[in-house]
Amino acid sequence: MKITTSIRELSLGSVAIVAGYSLVYGGYVGRLMSKGLIPGTPFILLNLSLAEGAVQIMLQEKIITLSKPEANALCIEDLAEDD
């Protein structure tokens, strides 16, 4: 596992889990938690090229779009195996 500070470092289709939140974007933590993005939550990255820096991810049973600051607030762990 590789701890990553930015969701934008992932490639499309990558599976990752939420490791925590960036303190710089602390005001977005409640919003992320209400969307189901609590530490330990797995997700799949679907789209990085939405308008205004938004990203789209798939949780277990739903697809959500995160604004640029919401995406920046996530600290994640990439579950991809390093070759």
Protein backbone atom coordinates (compact mmCIF):
# COMPACT_ATOMS: atom_id res chain seq x y z
CA MET A 1 0.00 0.00 0.00
CA LYS A 2 1.13 3.48 -0.77
CA ILE A 3 -0.07 6.48 1.23
CA THR A 4 -0.93 9.28 -1.14
CA THR A 5 -1.86 12.82 -0.27
CA SER A 6 -3.78 13.55 -3.45
CA ILE A 7 -6.50 11.62 -5.23
CA ARG A 8 -5.13 13.12 -8.45
CA GLU A 9 -2.04 10.89 -8.16
CA LEU A 10 -4.21 7.83 -8.85
CA SER A 11 -4.88 6.45 -12.32
CA LEU A 12 -8.43 5.91 -13.54
CA GLY A 13 -9.92 2.68 -12.24
CA SER A 14 -7.60 2.61 -9.21
CA VAL A 15 -8.94 1.19 -5.98
CA ALA A 16 -8.04 3.15 -2.86
CA ILE A 17 -9.25 3.69 0.69
CA VAL A 18 -9.75 6.86 2.68
CA ALA A 19 -6.85 7.16 5.14
CA GLY A 20 -7.85 10.51 6.67
CA TYR A 21 -8.23 14.18 5.90
CA SER A 22 -5.88 17.08 5.19
CA LEU A 23 -5.87 19.62 8.01
CA VAL A 24 -5.62 22.43 5.46
CA TYR A 25 -9.13 21.56 4.24
CA GLY A 26 -10.60 20.86 7.68
CA GLY A 27 -13.86 22.63 6.87
CA TYR A 28 -14.73 19.89 4.38
CA VAL A 29 -14.39 16.94 6.76
CA GLY A 30 -18.05 16.99 7.84
CA ARG A 31 -19.22 17.17 4.24
CA LEU A 32 -17.00 14.21 3.26
CA MET A 33 -18.20 12.16 6.22
CA SER A 34 -21.84 12.86 5.30
CA LYS A 35 -21.11 11.48 1.82
CA GLY A 36 -19.83 8.26 3.39
CA LEU A 37 -16.10 8.98 3.04
CA ILE A 38 -14.88 7.97 6.47
CA PRO A 39 -11.43 6.48 7.12
CA GLY A 40 -11.28 2.88 5.90
CA THR A 41 -13.87 3.39 3.13
CA PRO A 42 -12.81 1.83 -0.19
CA PHE A 43 -13.58 3.55 -3.48
CA ILE A 44 -12.77 3.36 -7.20
CA LEU A 45 -11.65 6.43 -9.13
CA LEU A 46 -13.88 6.90 -12.19
CA ASN A 47 -13.15 10.34 -13.63
CA LEU A 48 -10.52 13.04 -13.04
CA SER A 49 -11.45 15.36 -15.89
CA LEU A 50 -14.72 16.93 -14.78
CA ALA A 51 -15.31 20.67 -14.90
CA GLU A 52 -13.53 22.88 -12.36
CA GLY A 53 -11.32 20.10 -11.02
CA ALA A 54 -14.11 17.88 -9.72
CA VAL A 55 -13.58 14.11 -9.56
CA GLN A 56 -16.00 11.20 -9.69
CA ILE A 57 -15.64 8.12 -7.52
CA MET A 58 -17.65 4.99 -6.89
CA LEU A 59 -18.34 3.83 -3.36
CA GLN A 60 -19.81 0.42 -2.59
CA GLU A 61 -23.31 1.22 -3.87
CA LYS A 62 -23.20 4.74 -5.27
CA ILE A 63 -21.31 7.10 -7.55
CA ILE A 64 -20.49 10.54 -6.16
CA THR A 65 -18.84 13.66 -7.50
CA LEU A 66 -16.41 15.56 -5.29
CA SER A 67 -15.62 19.22 -5.78
CA LYS A 68 -11.95 20.16 -6.13
CA PRO A 69 -11.56 21.18 -2.45
CA GLU A 70 -13.38 18.04 -1.28
CA ALA A 71 -11.04 15.87 -3.36
CA ASN A 72 -8.02 17.81 -2.07
CA ALA A 73 -9.16 17.27 1.52
CA LEU A 74 -8.87 13.47 1.23
CA CYS A 75 -5.74 11.58 2.27
CA ILE A 76 -5.85 8.15 0.68
CA GLU A 77 -4.04 4.83 0.45
CA ASP A 78 -3.64 3.34 -3.01
CA LEU A 79 -4.39 -0.39 -2.87
CA ALA A 80 -2.58 -1.15 -6.15
CA GLU A 81 0.26 -3.63 -5.95
CA ASP A 82 3.64 -2.11 -6.80
CA ASP A 83 5.42 -4.27 -9.41
